[in-house]
Amino acid sequence: MAMEAALTVLAVLAAIGLLGSPLLLALSLISPRLTLFWSREKSKKKAVIIYSSLFALSLVAAIALPSLWEVVNPTPDSMPDFGSSASSTPEAEVDYLQAGKDRGYNAAVMAQTANNEQTWDAVAERWAQAIAQLKLVPEGHPDEAEAKTKIEEYRVNLQVATTKRDEVATPTTPVASDLEQFMAWVNEVDSSGAIVANAEVRDDDPDILEVTVTISFLAQNKEVQREAAVGLQRQWASINNPTKPDSAYLWLRTPSGKRFGGSRAIGGTVIYIDD
């Protein structure tokens, strides 16, 4: 405030000097008695020098005043625009590689608990986003090689997530076990239950089918028993191992559990019946 007041006073004095000094100079030359100087010639010269100097000083002050006033009261246009210089600074380079890896990490974390169509779909979306970010790495960039490697890795993960999503979205029809298929066939061809009383697949070897026959079957002659055993083994092989029928074994047991025939050790198709 003090500086502004001083400049105001200076402005008033400059105005007085600019307007008054020429007037006083003219009066001193025309009528010295109206001024501070007498009529002597030296006094006139002195008046010219003084009033001319006063006019010059006032003129200099008047010229300098606007600049001084601008310093004391700067206008918004005259103030330094620090914001514009900051905004003109180039933006920081986006790290597309890290952005892609971050999304890939999120997808991997989500995949650990995904258990339905919605969550697996979200996992697949995260992998797709990660791949999209990695593709933004410019050619020739130092991260280009790693980005390409990650893209291939994430594509595999995306395929896995998509497969998982489709699996839980479309319920699969349960496939009957080999034993269930075999018993379904037996019930068709031996609806009276005259041959097979029960059948089980061995826990220690799923290629071996143990068939417990009925008492009526034991009453048949050996040739009939052998022919029936061949048919049973052939059907079991068609279900258990169609391309290698000798790998499908049939064991025949009496109702008491005694083994009396079936496949020999050399091959499933080699059938025997005890004497």
Protein backbone atom coordinates (compact mmCIF):
# COMPACT_ATOMS: atom_id res chain seq x y z
CA MET A 1 0.00 0.00 0.00
CA ALA A 2 2.83 2.43 0.87
CA MET A 3 4.44 1.78 -2.48
CA GLU A 4 1.19 2.47 -4.28
CA ALA A 5 0.74 5.77 -2.38
CA ALA A 6 4.27 6.85 -3.24
CA LEU A 7 3.67 6.11 -6.91
CA THR A 8 0.43 8.08 -6.79
CA VAL A 9 2.22 11.10 -5.33
CA LEU A 10 4.96 10.72 -7.93
CA ALA A 11 2.35 10.63 -10.67
CA VAL A 12 0.74 13.83 -9.39
CA LEU A 13 4.11 15.57 -9.20
CA ALA A 14 5.02 14.39 -12.70
CA ALA A 15 1.72 15.73 -14.02
CA ILE A 16 2.30 19.07 -12.30
CA GLY A 17 5.83 19.17 -13.67
CA LEU A 18 4.74 18.36 -17.20
CA LEU A 19 1.97 20.94 -17.18
CA GLY A 20 3.54 23.60 -14.89
CA SER A 21 7.16 23.75 -16.02
CA PRO A 22 6.36 24.95 -19.59
CA LEU A 23 3.93 27.53 -18.18
CA LEU A 24 6.42 28.81 -15.62
CA LEU A 25 9.15 28.91 -18.27
CA ALA A 26 6.96 30.98 -20.56
CA LEU A 27 6.01 33.36 -17.79
CA SER A 28 9.62 33.79 -16.68
CA LEU A 29 10.56 34.82 -20.18
CA ILE A 30 7.59 37.14 -20.69
CA SER A 31 7.22 38.61 -17.22
CA PRO A 32 10.00 37.70 -14.79
CA ARG A 33 8.21 39.33 -11.92
CA LEU A 34 5.51 36.64 -12.06
CA THR A 35 8.15 34.00 -11.38
CA LEU A 36 10.82 33.45 -8.80
CA PHE A 37 13.44 35.12 -10.98
CA TRP A 38 14.13 38.78 -11.62
CA SER A 39 14.60 40.39 -14.98
CA ARG A 40 18.28 40.06 -15.19
CA GLU A 41 19.50 38.09 -18.19
CA LYS A 42 21.28 35.54 -16.00
CA SER A 43 18.10 34.92 -14.08
CA LYS A 44 16.28 34.20 -17.34
CA LYS A 45 18.92 31.70 -18.33
CA LYS A 46 18.74 30.10 -14.93
CA ALA A 47 14.93 29.85 -15.24
CA VAL A 48 15.25 28.19 -18.61
CA ILE A 49 17.66 25.62 -17.22
CA ILE A 50 15.62 24.91 -14.09
CA TYR A 51 12.23 24.69 -15.78
CA SER A 52 13.63 22.67 -18.68
CA SER A 53 15.21 20.22 -16.22
CA LEU A 54 11.97 20.03 -14.28
CA PHE A 55 10.06 19.29 -17.48
CA ALA A 56 12.59 16.60 -18.47
CA LEU A 57 12.43 14.95 -15.05
CA SER A 58 8.65 15.05 -15.10
CA LEU A 59 8.64 13.52 -18.58
CA VAL A 60 10.99 10.70 -17.50
CA ALA A 61 8.84 10.08 -14.41
CA ALA A 62 5.67 9.97 -16.52
CA ILE A 63 7.28 7.44 -18.90
CA ALA A 64 8.58 5.26 -16.06
CA LEU A 65 5.40 5.33 -13.99
CA PRO A 66 3.43 2.69 -16.00
CA SER A 67 6.29 0.20 -15.70
CA LEU A 68 6.66 0.86 -11.97
CA TRP A 69 2.92 0.52 -11.48
CA GLU A 70 2.96 -2.82 -13.34
CA VAL A 71 5.63 -4.10 -10.97
CA VAL A 72 3.64 -3.09 -7.89
CA ASN A 73 0.25 -4.25 -9.25
CA PRO A 74 0.90 -6.98 -11.81
CA THR A 75 -2.03 -7.95 -14.04
CA PRO A 76 -2.91 -11.60 -14.68
CA ASP A 77 -1.62 -11.29 -18.23
CA SER A 78 1.75 -9.97 -17.03
CA MET A 79 2.28 -12.67 -14.39
CA PRO A 80 4.43 -15.68 -15.31
CA ASP A 81 2.29 -18.60 -16.48
CA PHE A 82 3.87 -21.45 -14.62
CA GLY A 83 0.90 -23.69 -15.36
CA SER A 84 1.28 -23.36 -19.12
CA SER A 85 4.92 -24.31 -18.96
CA ALA A 86 4.02 -27.39 -16.93
CA SER A 87 1.25 -28.35 -19.31
CA SER A 88 3.60 -28.05 -22.26
CA THR A 89 5.86 -30.67 -20.71
CA PRO A 90 5.54 -33.97 -22.61
CA GLU A 91 3.40 -36.58 -20.85
CA ALA A 92 5.18 -39.44 -19.13
CA GLU A 93 5.48 -42.55 -21.30
CA VAL A 94 2.87 -45.22 -20.53
CA ASP A 95 4.36 -48.52 -19.37
CA TYR A 96 2.19 -50.88 -21.43
CA LEU A 97 4.28 -53.90 -20.47
CA GLN A 98 3.69 -53.38 -16.76
CA ALA A 99 0.01 -52.61 -17.33
CA GLY A 100 -0.38 -55.91 -19.20
CA LYS A 101 1.48 -57.85 -16.52
CA ASP A 102 -0.68 -56.31 -13.81
CA ARG A 103 -3.86 -57.46 -15.55
CA GLY A 104 -2.32 -60.88 -16.09
CA TYR A 105 -1.58 -61.13 -12.37
CA ASN A 106 -5.17 -60.22 -11.56
CA ALA A 107 -6.41 -62.90 -13.95
CA ALA A 108 -4.17 -65.53 -12.36
CA VAL A 109 -5.40 -64.63 -8.87
CA MET A 110 -9.05 -64.82 -9.96
CA ALA A 111 -8.49 -68.18 -11.65
CA GLN A 112 -7.52 -69.75 -8.32
CA THR A 113 -11.07 -69.40 -6.99
CA ALA A 114 -13.13 -69.45 -10.20
CA ASN A 115 -15.82 -72.13 -10.04
CA ASN A 116 -18.69 -71.04 -12.27
CA GLU A 117 -19.43 -69.56 -15.66
CA GLN A 118 -19.40 -65.93 -14.47
CA THR A 119 -16.07 -66.08 -12.66
CA TRP A 120 -14.34 -67.96 -15.47
CA ASP A 121 -15.74 -65.45 -17.92
CA ALA A 122 -14.24 -62.65 -15.80
CA VAL A 123 -10.89 -64.46 -15.77
CA ALA A 124 -10.96 -64.78 -19.56
CA GLU A 125 -11.78 -61.07 -19.85
CA ARG A 126 -8.76 -60.17 -17.68
CA TRP A 127 -6.46 -62.26 -19.87
CA ALA A 128 -7.87 -60.56 -22.98
CA GLN A 129 -7.27 -57.13 -21.43
CA ALA A 130 -3.71 -58.08 -20.53
CA ILE A 131 -3.02 -59.17 -24.10
CA ALA A 132 -4.52 -55.93 -25.45
CA GLN A 133 -2.21 -53.86 -23.23
CA LEU A 134 0.87 -55.83 -24.27
CA LYS A 135 0.05 -55.30 -27.94
CA LEU A 136 0.37 -51.54 -27.36
CA VAL A 137 4.12 -51.81 -26.75
CA PRO A 138 5.63 -49.98 -29.77
CA GLU A 139 7.84 -51.77 -32.26
CA GLY A 140 11.50 -51.31 -31.48
CA HIS A 141 10.79 -50.57 -27.83
CA PRO A 142 13.09 -52.27 -25.29
CA ASP A 143 10.04 -54.07 -23.84
CA GLU A 144 8.91 -55.47 -27.20
CA ALA A 145 10.54 -58.90 -26.86
CA GLU A 146 9.20 -59.54 -23.37
CA ALA A 147 5.76 -58.28 -24.41
CA LYS A 148 5.60 -60.79 -27.27
CA THR A 149 6.60 -63.61 -24.95
CA LYS A 150 3.90 -62.63 -22.47
CA ILE A 151 1.31 -62.41 -25.23
CA GLU A 152 1.91 -66.05 -26.20
CA GLU A 153 1.78 -67.11 -22.55
CA TYR A 154 -1.42 -65.21 -21.89
CA ARG A 155 -3.09 -66.58 -25.02
CA VAL A 156 -2.67 -70.09 -23.64
CA ASN A 157 -4.13 -68.97 -20.31
CA LEU A 158 -7.02 -67.30 -22.12
CA GLN A 159 -7.80 -70.53 -23.95
CA VAL A 160 -7.76 -72.47 -20.67
CA ALA A 161 -10.11 -69.98 -19.04
CA THR A 162 -12.46 -70.09 -22.04
CA THR A 163 -12.51 -73.89 -21.95
CA LYS A 164 -13.23 -73.92 -18.23
CA ARG A 165 -16.04 -71.43 -18.72
CA ASP A 166 -17.61 -73.54 -21.45
CA GLU A 167 -17.32 -76.70 -19.38
CA VAL A 168 -19.22 -75.27 -16.42
CA ALA A 169 -21.71 -73.49 -18.67
CA THR A 170 -22.74 -76.68 -20.52
CA PRO A 171 -23.49 -79.60 -18.19
CA THR A 172 -22.06 -82.80 -19.60
CA THR A 173 -24.06 -85.99 -19.71
CA PRO A 174 -22.45 -88.52 -17.38
CA VAL A 175 -20.78 -91.33 -19.28
CA ALA A 176 -21.68 -94.77 -18.06
CA SER A 177 -18.77 -96.71 -16.66
CA ASP A 178 -17.44 -99.80 -18.38
CA LEU A 179 -19.15 -102.01 -15.80
CA GLU A 180 -22.47 -100.21 -16.24
CA GLN A 181 -22.31 -100.65 -19.99
CA PHE A 182 -21.46 -104.34 -19.62
CA MET A 183 -24.33 -105.01 -17.21
CA ALA A 184 -26.73 -103.16 -19.49
CA TRP A 185 -25.76 -105.55 -22.28
CA VAL A 186 -26.10 -108.59 -19.99
CA ASN A 187 -29.60 -107.54 -18.98
CA GLU A 188 -30.54 -107.40 -22.66
CA VAL A 189 -29.13 -110.77 -23.71
CA ASP A 190 -29.77 -112.59 -20.41
CA SER A 191 -32.95 -111.00 -19.20
CA SER A 192 -33.83 -114.13 -17.22
CA GLY A 193 -30.57 -113.98 -15.28
CA ALA A 194 -29.61 -117.55 -16.15
CA ILE A 195 -25.90 -116.86 -16.67
CA VAL A 196 -24.59 -113.85 -14.72
CA ALA A 197 -25.41 -113.35 -11.06
CA ASN A 198 -23.05 -110.43 -10.50
CA ALA A 199 -20.04 -108.66 -12.02
CA GLU A 200 -17.31 -106.42 -10.62
CA VAL A 201 -14.20 -104.67 -11.97
CA ARG A 202 -11.08 -105.32 -9.90
CA ASP A 203 -9.84 -102.29 -7.99
CA ASP A 204 -6.18 -103.15 -8.61
CA ASP A 205 -6.67 -103.71 -12.37
CA PRO A 206 -9.63 -102.07 -14.17
CA ASP A 207 -9.03 -104.30 -17.23
CA ILE A 208 -10.12 -107.40 -15.29
CA LEU A 209 -13.84 -108.16 -15.02
CA GLU A 210 -14.85 -110.75 -12.42
CA VAL A 211 -18.17 -112.42 -13.26
CA THR A 212 -20.02 -114.54 -10.74
CA VAL A 213 -22.18 -117.06 -12.59
CA THR A 214 -25.43 -118.67 -11.49
CA ILE A 215 -25.86 -122.23 -10.27
CA SER A 216 -27.84 -123.02 -13.41
CA PHE A 217 -24.87 -121.92 -15.51
CA LEU A 218 -22.60 -124.34 -13.64
CA ALA A 219 -25.02 -127.10 -14.52
CA GLN A 220 -24.32 -126.65 -18.23
CA ASN A 221 -21.62 -128.70 -19.97
CA LYS A 222 -18.15 -127.29 -20.43
CA GLU A 223 -18.60 -126.48 -24.12
CA VAL A 224 -21.70 -124.37 -23.45
CA GLN A 225 -19.89 -122.68 -20.57
CA ARG A 226 -16.86 -121.94 -22.77
CA GLU A 227 -18.96 -120.48 -25.60
CA ALA A 228 -20.81 -118.27 -23.12
CA ALA A 229 -17.49 -117.17 -21.59
CA VAL A 230 -16.13 -116.26 -25.04
CA GLY A 231 -19.19 -114.08 -25.66
CA LEU A 232 -18.84 -112.40 -22.27
CA GLN A 233 -15.15 -111.64 -22.83
CA ARG A 234 -15.77 -110.33 -26.35
CA GLN A 235 -18.39 -107.91 -25.08
CA TRP A 236 -16.17 -106.80 -22.21
CA ALA A 237 -13.25 -106.17 -24.61
CA SER A 238 -15.46 -104.09 -26.93
CA ILE A 239 -16.21 -101.81 -24.00
CA ASN A 240 -12.95 -101.81 -22.03
CA ASN A 241 -10.34 -101.89 -24.80
CA PRO A 242 -11.75 -102.20 -28.33
CA THR A 243 -8.36 -101.82 -30.06
CA LYS A 244 -6.59 -104.40 -27.86
CA PRO A 245 -9.10 -107.13 -26.96
CA ASP A 246 -6.37 -109.31 -25.42
CA SER A 247 -5.88 -106.62 -22.76
CA ALA A 248 -9.44 -107.11 -21.47
CA TYR A 249 -9.59 -110.06 -19.08
CA LEU A 250 -12.57 -112.09 -17.86
CA TRP A 251 -12.53 -114.12 -14.65
CA LEU A 252 -15.35 -116.56 -13.98
CA ARG A 253 -16.27 -117.39 -10.38
CA THR A 254 -18.74 -119.77 -8.76
CA PRO A 255 -21.39 -118.44 -6.33
CA SER A 256 -19.01 -119.41 -3.52
CA GLY A 257 -16.24 -117.21 -5.02
CA LYS A 258 -14.01 -119.91 -6.49
CA ARG A 259 -12.42 -119.10 -9.83
CA PHE A 260 -13.11 -121.84 -12.39
CA GLY A 261 -12.45 -120.29 -15.79
CA GLY A 262 -12.14 -117.23 -17.99
CA SER A 263 -9.11 -115.59 -19.63
CA ARG A 264 -5.65 -117.07 -19.39
CA ALA A 265 -2.68 -114.93 -18.42
CA ILE A 266 -1.25 -114.93 -21.96
CA GLY A 267 -4.26 -112.99 -23.32
CA GLY A 268 -7.81 -111.98 -22.57
CA THR A 269 -9.23 -113.74 -25.60
CA VAL A 270 -7.73 -117.10 -24.60
CA ILE A 271 -10.62 -118.65 -22.66
CA TYR A 272 -10.57 -121.82 -20.57
CA ILE A 273 -12.95 -123.75 -18.29
CA ASP A 274 -11.65 -125.97 -15.46
CA ASP A 275 -12.31 -129.67 -15.65
